[in-house]
Amino acid sequence: MVVPGLPGPPGAPRVELQRDGTAASVSWSSPRDDGGVRLDGYIVEYRAETATRWTRANDEHVRDLDMVVRSLKPDTVYEFRVAAKNKAGIGEFSPSAKPTKGAEEPAGKSAQAID
């Protein structure tokens, strides 16, 4: 009988914010060590750069290697981190990733080419 261990940390997340800053696409790589058993999924957490407490982004374990985090506040810099879970429990969190904050373009403005 194999006694499972906790999984190792996933790779640092890659984050792409929507232009208006209210949602972020977060993706990561699976951990090098699964603890000897199949992974049940992932837990994604985020916090504003100035906050001390992390907020869980998902109620259910994410089975894929990506998810969209919604209901973010524009003009706020967020950090994201991910942990893997197996039947032994939740492993160590990945290093956090800091995306650039999203910002809306002013109304009536559009990108212009510079010659």
C-alpha atoms as a PDB file:
ATOM      1  CA  MET A   1       0.000   0.000   0.000  1.00  0.00           C
ATOM      2  CA  VAL A   2       1.314   3.428  -0.978  1.00  0.00           C
ATOM      3  CA  VAL A   3       1.103   6.116   1.692  1.00  0.00           C
ATOM      4  CA  PRO A   4       0.456   9.363  -0.172  1.00  0.00           C
ATOM      5  CA  GLY A   5       2.413  12.498   0.568  1.00  0.00           C
ATOM      6  CA  LEU A   6       1.424  16.084  -0.051  1.00  0.00           C
ATOM      7  CA  PRO A   7       1.970  17.312  -3.599  1.00  0.00           C
ATOM      8  CA  GLY A   8       4.704  19.800  -4.341  1.00  0.00           C
ATOM      9  CA  PRO A   9       3.997  23.372  -5.435  1.00  0.00           C
ATOM     10  CA  PRO A  10       2.722  23.998  -8.967  1.00  0.00           C
ATOM     11  CA  GLY A  11       4.691  26.306 -11.256  1.00  0.00           C
ATOM     12  CA  ALA A  12       4.298  30.030 -10.652  1.00  0.00           C
ATOM     13  CA  PRO A  13       1.057  31.199 -12.250  1.00  0.00           C
ATOM     14  CA  ARG A  14       0.950  33.257 -15.414  1.00  0.00           C
ATOM     15  CA  VAL A  15      -1.682  35.969 -15.279  1.00  0.00           C
ATOM     16  CA  GLU A  16      -3.338  37.956 -18.021  1.00  0.00           C
ATOM     17  CA  LEU A  17      -5.741  40.677 -16.896  1.00  0.00           C
ATOM     18  CA  GLN A  18      -8.683  41.773 -18.980  1.00  0.00           C
ATOM     19  CA  ARG A  19      -8.268  45.288 -20.261  1.00  0.00           C
ATOM     20  CA  ASP A  20     -10.815  46.703 -17.793  1.00  0.00           C
ATOM     21  CA  GLY A  21      -9.100  44.939 -14.875  1.00  0.00           C
ATOM     22  CA  THR A  22     -12.204  43.129 -13.575  1.00  0.00           C
ATOM     23  CA  ALA A  23     -11.099  39.586 -14.447  1.00  0.00           C
ATOM     24  CA  ALA A  24      -7.863  37.671 -14.885  1.00  0.00           C
ATOM     25  CA  SER A  25      -6.978  34.500 -16.758  1.00  0.00           C
ATOM     26  CA  VAL A  26      -4.644  32.489 -14.508  1.00  0.00           C
ATOM     27  CA  SER A  27      -2.691  29.445 -15.732  1.00  0.00           C
ATOM     28  CA  TRP A  28       0.033  27.278 -14.153  1.00  0.00           C
ATOM     29  CA  SER A  29       1.969  24.042 -14.631  1.00  0.00           C
ATOM     30  CA  SER A  30       1.423  20.900 -12.600  1.00  0.00           C
ATOM     31  CA  PRO A  31       3.771  20.175  -9.685  1.00  0.00           C
ATOM     32  CA  ARG A  32       6.860  18.039 -10.259  1.00  0.00           C
ATOM     33  CA  ASP A  33       5.811  15.854  -7.312  1.00  0.00           C
ATOM     34  CA  ASP A  34       2.211  14.650  -7.065  1.00  0.00           C
ATOM     35  CA  GLY A  35       2.793  12.997  -3.674  1.00  0.00           C
ATOM     36  CA  GLY A  36       2.600   9.528  -5.212  1.00  0.00           C
ATOM     37  CA  VAL A  37      -1.121   9.659  -5.977  1.00  0.00           C
ATOM     38  CA  ARG A  38      -3.449  11.297  -8.477  1.00  0.00           C
ATOM     39  CA  LEU A  39      -4.137  15.006  -7.947  1.00  0.00           C
ATOM     40  CA  ASP A  40      -7.717  15.911  -7.039  1.00  0.00           C
ATOM     41  CA  GLY A  41      -7.347  19.455  -8.363  1.00  0.00           C
ATOM     42  CA  TYR A  42      -5.999  22.905  -7.612  1.00  0.00           C
ATOM     43  CA  ILE A  43      -6.788  25.790  -5.311  1.00  0.00           C
ATOM     44  CA  VAL A  44      -6.284  29.334  -6.609  1.00  0.00           C
ATOM     45  CA  GLU A  45      -5.937  32.288  -4.251  1.00  0.00           C
ATOM     46  CA  TYR A  46      -5.496  36.009  -4.827  1.00  0.00           C
ATOM     47  CA  ARG A  47      -5.049  39.201  -2.874  1.00  0.00           C
ATOM     48  CA  ALA A  48      -4.586  42.877  -3.549  1.00  0.00           C
ATOM     49  CA  GLU A  49      -0.895  43.731  -3.444  1.00  0.00           C
ATOM     50  CA  THR A  50      -1.375  45.714  -0.224  1.00  0.00           C
ATOM     51  CA  ALA A  51      -3.505  43.046   1.552  1.00  0.00           C
ATOM     52  CA  THR A  52      -2.212  40.488   4.036  1.00  0.00           C
ATOM     53  CA  ARG A  53      -4.989  37.875   3.674  1.00  0.00           C
ATOM     54  CA  TRP A  54      -5.493  35.616   0.665  1.00  0.00           C
ATOM     55  CA  THR A  55      -8.947  34.997  -0.854  1.00  0.00           C
ATOM     56  CA  ARG A  56      -9.842  31.647  -2.375  1.00  0.00           C
ATOM     57  CA  ALA A  57     -10.923  32.137  -5.996  1.00  0.00           C
ATOM     58  CA  ASN A  58     -12.704  28.800  -6.397  1.00  0.00           C
ATOM     59  CA  ASP A  59     -15.258  26.907  -4.303  1.00  0.00           C
ATOM     60  CA  GLU A  60     -14.592  23.593  -6.048  1.00  0.00           C
ATOM     61  CA  HIS A  61     -11.156  22.241  -6.909  1.00  0.00           C
ATOM     62  CA  VAL A  62     -10.050  23.300 -10.393  1.00  0.00           C
ATOM     63  CA  ARG A  63      -9.199  20.203 -12.413  1.00  0.00           C
ATOM     64  CA  ASP A  64      -7.597  22.039 -15.340  1.00  0.00           C
ATOM     65  CA  LEU A  65      -4.377  24.069 -15.386  1.00  0.00           C
ATOM     66  CA  ASP A  66      -6.174  27.385 -15.793  1.00  0.00           C
ATOM     67  CA  MET A  67      -9.166  29.388 -14.634  1.00  0.00           C
ATOM     68  CA  VAL A  68     -10.677  32.861 -14.923  1.00  0.00           C
ATOM     69  CA  VAL A  69     -10.890  34.867 -11.694  1.00  0.00           C
ATOM     70  CA  ARG A  70     -13.743  37.386 -11.847  1.00  0.00           C
ATOM     71  CA  SER A  71     -15.024  40.313  -9.753  1.00  0.00           C
ATOM     72  CA  LEU A  72     -11.641  42.014  -9.420  1.00  0.00           C
ATOM     73  CA  LYS A  73     -11.462  45.756  -8.818  1.00  0.00           C
ATOM     74  CA  PRO A  74     -10.024  47.871 -11.650  1.00  0.00           C
ATOM     75  CA  ASP A  75      -6.860  49.842 -10.928  1.00  0.00           C
ATOM     76  CA  THR A  76      -5.783  47.311  -8.283  1.00  0.00           C
ATOM     77  CA  VAL A  77      -2.635  45.199  -8.485  1.00  0.00           C
ATOM     78  CA  TYR A  78      -3.295  41.592  -7.488  1.00  0.00           C
ATOM     79  CA  GLU A  79      -1.067  38.663  -6.590  1.00  0.00           C
ATOM     80  CA  PHE A  80      -2.095  35.088  -7.437  1.00  0.00           C
ATOM     81  CA  ARG A  81      -0.894  31.719  -6.161  1.00  0.00           C
ATOM     82  CA  VAL A  82      -1.883  28.079  -6.703  1.00  0.00           C
ATOM     83  CA  ALA A  83      -1.687  24.863  -4.636  1.00  0.00           C
ATOM     84  CA  ALA A  84      -2.328  21.264  -5.666  1.00  0.00           C
ATOM     85  CA  LYS A  85      -4.508  18.895  -3.630  1.00  0.00           C
ATOM     86  CA  ASN A  86      -4.476  15.118  -3.410  1.00  0.00           C
ATOM     87  CA  LYS A  87      -6.017  12.710  -0.903  1.00  0.00           C
ATOM     88  CA  ALA A  88      -3.215  13.495   1.602  1.00  0.00           C
ATOM     89  CA  GLY A  89      -4.213  17.175   1.620  1.00  0.00           C
ATOM     90  CA  ILE A  90      -3.244  20.552   0.176  1.00  0.00           C
ATOM     91  CA  GLY A  91       0.389  20.967  -0.780  1.00  0.00           C
ATOM     92  CA  GLU A  92       2.635  24.004  -0.667  1.00  0.00           C
ATOM     93  CA  PHE A  93       1.519  27.049  -2.638  1.00  0.00           C
ATOM     94  CA  SER A  94       3.396  28.152  -5.737  1.00  0.00           C
ATOM     95  CA  PRO A  95       5.404  31.347  -5.742  1.00  0.00           C
ATOM     96  CA  SER A  96       2.966  34.218  -6.284  1.00  0.00           C
ATOM     97  CA  ALA A  97       2.636  36.075  -9.560  1.00  0.00           C
ATOM     98  CA  LYS A  98       2.000  39.819  -9.749  1.00  0.00           C
ATOM     99  CA  PRO A  99       0.277  41.009 -12.924  1.00  0.00           C
ATOM    100  CA  THR A 100       0.178  44.581 -14.084  1.00  0.00           C
ATOM    101  CA  LYS A 101      -3.068  46.192 -13.008  1.00  0.00           C
ATOM    102  CA  GLY A 102      -5.808  46.588 -15.577  1.00  0.00           C
ATOM    103  CA  ALA A 103      -7.036  50.006 -16.559  1.00  0.00           C
ATOM    104  CA  GLU A 104      -9.841  51.160 -18.796  1.00  0.00           C
ATOM    105  CA  GLU A 105      -9.084  53.278 -21.817  1.00  0.00           C
ATOM    106  CA  PRO A 106     -10.638  56.740 -21.571  1.00  0.00           C
ATOM    107  CA  ALA A 107     -13.898  57.008 -23.529  1.00  0.00           C
ATOM    108  CA  GLY A 108     -13.405  58.157 -27.114  1.00  0.00           C
ATOM    109  CA  LYS A 109      -9.695  57.308 -27.126  1.00  0.00           C
ATOM    110  CA  SER A 110      -8.220  54.661 -29.366  1.00  0.00           C
ATOM    111  CA  ALA A 111      -4.700  53.482 -30.038  1.00  0.00           C
ATOM    112  CA  GLN A 112      -2.904  55.457 -32.711  1.00  0.00           C
ATOM    113  CA  ALA A 113       0.075  54.403 -34.754  1.00  0.00           C
ATOM    114  CA  ILE A 114       3.210  56.496 -34.392  1.00  0.00           C
ATOM    115  CA  ASP A 115       5.109  57.109 -37.611  1.00  0.00           C
END
